[in-house]
Every structure is written in structure tokens, then in C-alpha cells.
Amino acid sequence: MSVAYIVLAILLSVMLLGSAQGKLTKNEKVVQGLSAANVPQSWYPPLAVIEIIGAAGLIIGIFFSPLGVAAAVGVTLYFVGAVIAHLRAGDTKGASAPAMILLIAVAALVVRVLSL
């Protein structure tokens, strides 16, 4: 078991849960960011559920490595999509937050795979 993965999984899970909460409560800052990327409000709940599932998978992945790998892949793909959505909408400033989370997700994936 890698201490680095545990730290990354917990950090990323906290970030995912915070992002999900912002979507579910329609936090003003979150709504502004998603609106800039042309994300309809009807998508907020499903996106939040995906983030919650990703967070759970990362944490369970501490004990069951295949799920940790799968969750890290899923979270990485989710945030690749988020960055692309911001860039397609011309929101380069708004792409920085999902890009940062994407980098952490990639780090978690690499560390989890290397610790198998």
C-alpha cells in the first residue's frame, strides 16, 4: 500500500465531494463557472453523482486496488471532459480549476498503478 496514494485519494475525494456539494446546492461560484462552460443546470445533479461515486471509489480503492485504478481512470476522464468543455466555450480562465483537479487525478492514477 502506498502512502502517496492514500494522501492523493483522500485529497482528491475531498475536492470531489466539495465540487459535488457546490453543484447540488447551486453555489453561486460553481454556477458561474459551469455557466461559462455552457453546462445546463439540469446536468448538475448527474455530474455531482459522478463525483460522489468517484470519491467513494478512490477511498475504497485504498483497500481494493482494482477499484482505485478504475475510479482514478474515471475521475481523470471526467476532468478531461471538464477542461475540454471550458476550452470549447472559450473559457480559458475557468479551465484552470478542472485542470488542477485533473493533474491530481492523473497523479493518483499513476501512483495507484505503480503500487500494485
N, C-alpha and C. Protein backbone atom coordinates (compact mmCIF):
# COMPACT_ATOMS: atom_id res chain seq x y z
N MET A 1 0.85 -1.19 0.00
CA MET A 1 0.00 0.00 0.00
C MET A 1 0.89 1.24 0.00
N SER A 2 0.54 2.16 -0.84
CA SER A 2 1.30 3.39 -0.99
C SER A 2 0.70 4.52 -0.16
N VAL A 3 1.53 5.11 0.69
CA VAL A 3 1.08 6.26 1.48
C VAL A 3 0.74 7.42 0.55
N ALA A 4 1.48 7.54 -0.54
CA ALA A 4 1.21 8.61 -1.50
C ALA A 4 -0.19 8.47 -2.09
N TYR A 5 -0.59 7.24 -2.42
CA TYR A 5 -1.94 7.06 -2.96
C TYR A 5 -2.99 7.40 -1.91
N ILE A 6 -2.77 7.00 -0.68
CA ILE A 6 -3.74 7.30 0.37
C ILE A 6 -3.93 8.81 0.50
N VAL A 7 -2.83 9.54 0.50
CA VAL A 7 -2.90 11.01 0.61
C VAL A 7 -3.62 11.60 -0.61
N LEU A 8 -3.24 11.16 -1.80
CA LEU A 8 -3.87 11.66 -3.02
C LEU A 8 -5.35 11.29 -3.09
N ALA A 9 -5.68 10.06 -2.70
CA ALA A 9 -7.08 9.61 -2.75
C ALA A 9 -7.94 10.43 -1.80
N ILE A 10 -7.43 10.69 -0.61
CA ILE A 10 -8.20 11.49 0.36
C ILE A 10 -8.32 12.93 -0.12
N LEU A 11 -7.23 13.52 -0.57
CA LEU A 11 -7.26 14.90 -1.08
C LEU A 11 -8.23 15.03 -2.25
N LEU A 12 -8.12 14.13 -3.21
CA LEU A 12 -8.98 14.18 -4.39
C LEU A 12 -10.44 13.93 -4.02
N SER A 13 -10.68 13.02 -3.10
CA SER A 13 -12.05 12.74 -2.67
C SER A 13 -12.69 13.96 -2.00
N VAL A 14 -11.92 14.64 -1.18
CA VAL A 14 -12.43 15.86 -0.53
C VAL A 14 -12.76 16.91 -1.59
N MET A 15 -11.90 17.05 -2.58
CA MET A 15 -12.14 18.01 -3.66
C MET A 15 -13.40 17.62 -4.46
N LEU A 16 -13.54 16.35 -4.74
CA LEU A 16 -14.71 15.87 -5.49
C LEU A 16 -16.00 16.10 -4.71
N LEU A 17 -15.97 15.81 -3.42
CA LEU A 17 -17.17 16.00 -2.60
C LEU A 17 -17.52 17.48 -2.48
N GLY A 18 -16.51 18.33 -2.39
CA GLY A 18 -16.77 19.77 -2.36
C GLY A 18 -17.37 20.26 -3.67
N SER A 19 -16.86 19.74 -4.77
CA SER A 19 -17.39 20.10 -6.08
C SER A 19 -18.82 19.61 -6.23
N ALA A 20 -19.08 18.40 -5.78
CA ALA A 20 -20.44 17.84 -5.85
C ALA A 20 -21.40 18.67 -5.01
N GLN A 21 -20.96 19.05 -3.82
CA GLN A 21 -21.81 19.86 -2.95
C GLN A 21 -22.15 21.19 -3.62
N GLY A 22 -21.15 21.80 -4.27
CA GLY A 22 -21.39 23.06 -4.97
C GLY A 22 -22.41 22.93 -6.07
N LYS A 23 -22.37 21.80 -6.77
CA LYS A 23 -23.35 21.56 -7.84
C LYS A 23 -24.75 21.32 -7.26
N LEU A 24 -24.82 20.52 -6.22
CA LEU A 24 -26.12 20.17 -5.64
C LEU A 24 -26.80 21.35 -4.95
N THR A 25 -25.99 22.23 -4.36
CA THR A 25 -26.56 23.41 -3.68
C THR A 25 -26.62 24.62 -4.60
N LYS A 26 -26.15 24.42 -5.83
CA LYS A 26 -26.09 25.51 -6.82
C LYS A 26 -25.39 26.74 -6.26
N ASN A 27 -24.21 26.47 -5.70
CA ASN A 27 -23.34 27.54 -5.19
C ASN A 27 -23.09 28.55 -6.31
N GLU A 28 -23.18 29.83 -5.97
CA GLU A 28 -23.08 30.89 -6.97
C GLU A 28 -21.79 30.80 -7.78
N LYS A 29 -20.67 30.55 -7.12
CA LYS A 29 -19.39 30.47 -7.83
C LYS A 29 -19.36 29.27 -8.78
N VAL A 30 -19.90 28.16 -8.32
CA VAL A 30 -19.94 26.95 -9.15
C VAL A 30 -20.86 27.17 -10.35
N VAL A 31 -22.01 27.77 -10.12
CA VAL A 31 -22.96 28.04 -11.21
C VAL A 31 -22.31 28.96 -12.25
N GLN A 32 -21.59 29.99 -11.80
CA GLN A 32 -20.92 30.90 -12.74
C GLN A 32 -19.91 30.14 -13.59
N GLY A 33 -19.12 29.27 -12.94
CA GLY A 33 -18.11 28.52 -13.67
C GLY A 33 -18.70 27.56 -14.68
N LEU A 34 -19.76 26.87 -14.26
CA LEU A 34 -20.39 25.92 -15.17
C LEU A 34 -21.16 26.63 -16.28
N SER A 35 -21.74 27.77 -15.97
CA SER A 35 -22.44 28.54 -16.99
C SER A 35 -21.46 29.03 -18.06
N ALA A 36 -20.26 29.40 -17.63
CA ALA A 36 -19.24 29.86 -18.57
C ALA A 36 -18.83 28.74 -19.53
N ALA A 37 -18.99 27.49 -19.08
CA ALA A 37 -18.67 26.33 -19.93
C ALA A 37 -19.91 25.80 -20.65
N ASN A 38 -21.01 26.55 -20.56
CA ASN A 38 -22.27 26.18 -21.22
C ASN A 38 -22.85 24.85 -20.73
N VAL A 39 -22.70 24.58 -19.43
CA VAL A 39 -23.26 23.37 -18.84
C VAL A 39 -24.67 23.69 -18.34
N PRO A 40 -25.68 23.00 -18.83
CA PRO A 40 -27.05 23.26 -18.37
C PRO A 40 -27.24 22.84 -16.91
N GLN A 41 -28.08 23.58 -16.20
CA GLN A 41 -28.30 23.27 -14.78
C GLN A 41 -28.91 21.89 -14.59
N SER A 42 -29.59 21.37 -15.57
CA SER A 42 -30.16 20.03 -15.44
C SER A 42 -29.07 18.95 -15.34
N TRP A 43 -27.86 19.29 -15.73
CA TRP A 43 -26.75 18.34 -15.66
C TRP A 43 -26.09 18.33 -14.28
N TYR A 44 -26.34 19.33 -13.45
CA TYR A 44 -25.65 19.42 -12.16
C TYR A 44 -25.82 18.18 -11.30
N PRO A 45 -27.07 17.70 -11.07
CA PRO A 45 -27.20 16.50 -10.22
C PRO A 45 -26.47 15.27 -10.76
N PRO A 46 -26.59 14.94 -12.05
CA PRO A 46 -25.85 13.76 -12.53
C PRO A 46 -24.33 13.94 -12.42
N LEU A 47 -23.85 15.14 -12.69
CA LEU A 47 -22.41 15.38 -12.56
C LEU A 47 -21.96 15.24 -11.12
N ALA A 48 -22.78 15.73 -10.18
CA ALA A 48 -22.47 15.60 -8.76
C ALA A 48 -22.45 14.13 -8.34
N VAL A 49 -23.38 13.35 -8.84
CA VAL A 49 -23.41 11.92 -8.51
C VAL A 49 -22.15 11.23 -9.02
N ILE A 50 -21.71 11.58 -10.21
CA ILE A 50 -20.48 11.00 -10.76
C ILE A 50 -19.30 11.34 -9.85
N GLU A 51 -19.24 12.58 -9.38
CA GLU A 51 -18.14 12.98 -8.50
C GLU A 51 -18.19 12.22 -7.17
N ILE A 52 -19.38 12.04 -6.62
CA ILE A 52 -19.53 11.31 -5.35
C ILE A 52 -19.10 9.85 -5.53
N ILE A 53 -19.51 9.25 -6.63
CA ILE A 53 -19.12 7.86 -6.91
C ILE A 53 -17.60 7.77 -7.08
N GLY A 54 -17.02 8.75 -7.77
CA GLY A 54 -15.57 8.77 -7.95
C GLY A 54 -14.85 8.87 -6.62
N ALA A 55 -15.34 9.74 -5.73
CA ALA A 55 -14.73 9.89 -4.40
C ALA A 55 -14.81 8.58 -3.62
N ALA A 56 -15.97 7.95 -3.66
CA ALA A 56 -16.14 6.67 -2.95
C ALA A 56 -15.21 5.60 -3.52
N GLY A 57 -15.09 5.56 -4.84
CA GLY A 57 -14.21 4.58 -5.47
C GLY A 57 -12.75 4.78 -5.11
N LEU A 58 -12.33 6.04 -5.03
CA LEU A 58 -10.95 6.33 -4.65
C LEU A 58 -10.66 5.86 -3.23
N ILE A 59 -11.60 6.12 -2.32
CA ILE A 59 -11.40 5.72 -0.92
C ILE A 59 -11.44 4.21 -0.78
N ILE A 60 -12.42 3.57 -1.40
CA ILE A 60 -12.48 2.10 -1.35
C ILE A 60 -11.26 1.51 -2.03
N GLY A 61 -10.73 2.21 -3.03
CA GLY A 61 -9.54 1.77 -3.74
C GLY A 61 -8.30 1.71 -2.89
N ILE A 62 -8.32 2.34 -1.73
CA ILE A 62 -7.21 2.21 -0.79
C ILE A 62 -7.09 0.75 -0.35
N PHE A 63 -8.23 0.08 -0.22
CA PHE A 63 -8.27 -1.30 0.27
C PHE A 63 -8.43 -2.32 -0.85
N PHE A 64 -8.99 -1.90 -1.98
CA PHE A 64 -9.25 -2.79 -3.10
C PHE A 64 -8.71 -2.11 -4.36
N SER A 65 -7.46 -2.42 -4.68
CA SER A 65 -6.74 -1.68 -5.72
C SER A 65 -7.42 -1.63 -7.08
N PRO A 66 -8.09 -2.68 -7.58
CA PRO A 66 -8.73 -2.54 -8.89
C PRO A 66 -9.76 -1.41 -8.93
N LEU A 67 -10.49 -1.24 -7.84
CA LEU A 67 -11.48 -0.16 -7.79
C LEU A 67 -10.78 1.20 -7.73
N GLY A 68 -9.65 1.26 -7.05
CA GLY A 68 -8.90 2.52 -7.00
C GLY A 68 -8.41 2.93 -8.38
N VAL A 69 -7.94 1.97 -9.14
CA VAL A 69 -7.49 2.24 -10.51
C VAL A 69 -8.67 2.69 -11.37
N ALA A 70 -9.78 1.94 -11.28
CA ALA A 70 -10.95 2.28 -12.09
C ALA A 70 -11.48 3.67 -11.73
N ALA A 71 -11.54 3.97 -10.45
CA ALA A 71 -12.03 5.29 -10.02
C ALA A 71 -11.10 6.39 -10.50
N ALA A 72 -9.81 6.18 -10.39
CA ALA A 72 -8.85 7.19 -10.84
C ALA A 72 -8.95 7.41 -12.34
N VAL A 73 -9.16 6.34 -13.10
CA VAL A 73 -9.35 6.48 -14.55
C VAL A 73 -10.63 7.28 -14.82
N GLY A 74 -11.70 6.93 -14.13
CA GLY A 74 -12.97 7.63 -14.33
C GLY A 74 -12.89 9.10 -13.98
N VAL A 75 -12.26 9.41 -12.85
CA VAL A 75 -12.13 10.81 -12.44
C VAL A 75 -11.25 11.57 -13.44
N THR A 76 -10.19 10.92 -13.91
CA THR A 76 -9.32 11.55 -14.91
C THR A 76 -10.12 11.88 -16.17
N LEU A 77 -10.89 10.93 -16.65
CA LEU A 77 -11.69 11.17 -17.86
C LEU A 77 -12.74 12.25 -17.64
N TYR A 78 -13.35 12.25 -16.47
CA TYR A 78 -14.35 13.27 -16.13
C TYR A 78 -13.74 14.67 -16.24
N PHE A 79 -12.54 14.84 -15.68
CA PHE A 79 -11.93 16.16 -15.70
C PHE A 79 -11.27 16.50 -17.03
N VAL A 80 -10.92 15.51 -17.82
CA VAL A 80 -10.52 15.80 -19.21
C VAL A 80 -11.71 16.42 -19.92
N GLY A 81 -12.88 15.83 -19.72
CA GLY A 81 -14.11 16.39 -20.30
C GLY A 81 -14.41 17.78 -19.80
N ALA A 82 -14.19 18.02 -18.51
CA ALA A 82 -14.45 19.35 -17.94
C ALA A 82 -13.52 20.40 -18.56
N VAL A 83 -12.25 20.07 -18.69
CA VAL A 83 -11.30 21.01 -19.29
C VAL A 83 -11.69 21.28 -20.74
N ILE A 84 -12.03 20.24 -21.47
CA ILE A 84 -12.44 20.40 -22.87
C ILE A 84 -13.68 21.27 -22.97
N ALA A 85 -14.65 21.05 -22.08
CA ALA A 85 -15.88 21.86 -22.11
C ALA A 85 -15.57 23.34 -21.90
N HIS A 86 -14.69 23.64 -20.97
CA HIS A 86 -14.33 25.05 -20.73
C HIS A 86 -13.60 25.64 -21.94
N LEU A 87 -12.67 24.87 -22.50
CA LEU A 87 -11.90 25.38 -23.64
C LEU A 87 -12.79 25.57 -24.87
N ARG A 88 -13.70 24.64 -25.11
CA ARG A 88 -14.62 24.77 -26.26
C ARG A 88 -15.51 26.00 -26.13
N ALA A 89 -15.84 26.34 -24.88
CA ALA A 89 -16.69 27.52 -24.65
C ALA A 89 -15.87 28.81 -24.62
N GLY A 90 -14.56 28.69 -24.82
CA GLY A 90 -13.69 29.87 -24.81
C GLY A 90 -13.40 30.37 -23.40
N ASP A 91 -13.64 29.55 -22.40
CA ASP A 91 -13.44 29.92 -21.01
C ASP A 91 -12.09 29.40 -20.52
N THR A 92 -11.02 30.00 -21.02
CA THR A 92 -9.68 29.52 -20.65
C THR A 92 -9.40 29.76 -19.17
N LYS A 93 -9.90 30.85 -18.62
CA LYS A 93 -9.70 31.13 -17.20
C LYS A 93 -10.38 30.07 -16.35
N GLY A 94 -11.59 29.68 -16.72
CA GLY A 94 -12.34 28.68 -15.97
C GLY A 94 -11.80 27.27 -16.11
N ALA A 95 -10.95 27.04 -17.09
CA ALA A 95 -10.38 25.70 -17.28
C ALA A 95 -9.30 25.38 -16.26
N SER A 96 -8.82 26.38 -15.55
CA SER A 96 -7.71 26.15 -14.62
C SER A 96 -8.11 25.27 -13.43
N ALA A 97 -9.30 25.46 -12.89
CA ALA A 97 -9.72 24.65 -11.73
C ALA A 97 -9.86 23.17 -12.09
N PRO A 98 -10.60 22.84 -13.16
CA PRO A 98 -10.65 21.41 -13.50
C PRO A 98 -9.30 20.86 -13.96
N ALA A 99 -8.45 21.70 -14.53
CA ALA A 99 -7.12 21.24 -14.95
C ALA A 99 -6.28 20.86 -13.72
N MET A 100 -6.41 21.62 -12.65
CA MET A 100 -5.67 21.31 -11.43
C MET A 100 -6.15 19.97 -10.85
N ILE A 101 -7.47 19.78 -10.82
CA ILE A 101 -8.01 18.52 -10.31
C ILE A 101 -7.61 17.37 -11.23
N LEU A 102 -7.58 17.63 -12.52
CA LEU A 102 -7.15 16.62 -13.49
C LEU A 102 -5.72 16.16 -13.18
N LEU A 103 -4.84 17.09 -12.89
CA LEU A 103 -3.45 16.72 -12.58
C LEU A 103 -3.37 15.86 -11.33
N ILE A 104 -4.17 16.17 -10.33
CA ILE A 104 -4.19 15.36 -9.11
C ILE A 104 -4.76 13.97 -9.41
N ALA A 105 -5.79 13.91 -10.25
CA ALA A 105 -6.37 12.62 -10.63
C ALA A 105 -5.35 11.76 -11.38
N VAL A 106 -4.61 12.37 -12.28
CA VAL A 106 -3.58 11.64 -13.02
C VAL A 106 -2.50 11.14 -12.05
N ALA A 107 -2.12 11.98 -11.12
CA ALA A 107 -1.12 11.57 -10.12
C ALA A 107 -1.63 10.39 -9.30
N ALA A 108 -2.90 10.44 -8.88
CA ALA A 108 -3.48 9.34 -8.12
C ALA A 108 -3.48 8.06 -8.95
N LEU A 109 -3.83 8.18 -10.22
CA LEU A 109 -3.84 7.02 -11.11
C LEU A 109 -2.45 6.42 -11.24
N VAL A 110 -1.48 7.25 -11.52
CA VAL A 110 -0.11 6.76 -11.71
C VAL A 110 0.41 6.10 -10.43
N VAL A 111 0.20 6.75 -9.31
CA VAL A 111 0.68 6.20 -8.04
C VAL A 111 -0.02 4.89 -7.71
N ARG A 112 -1.33 4.82 -7.99
CA ARG A 112 -2.08 3.58 -7.68
C ARG A 112 -1.60 2.45 -8.57
N VAL A 113 -1.39 2.72 -9.84
CA VAL A 113 -0.92 1.67 -10.75
C VAL A 113 0.49 1.21 -10.36
N LEU A 114 1.35 2.14 -10.01
CA LEU A 114 2.71 1.78 -9.64
C LEU A 114 2.79 1.04 -8.31
N SER A 115 1.76 1.17 -7.49
CA SER A 115 1.80 0.49 -6.17
C SER A 115 1.12 -0.87 -6.19
N LEU A 116 0.72 -1.33 -7.37
CA LEU A 116 0.08 -2.66 -7.45
C LEU A 116 1.09 -3.76 -7.20
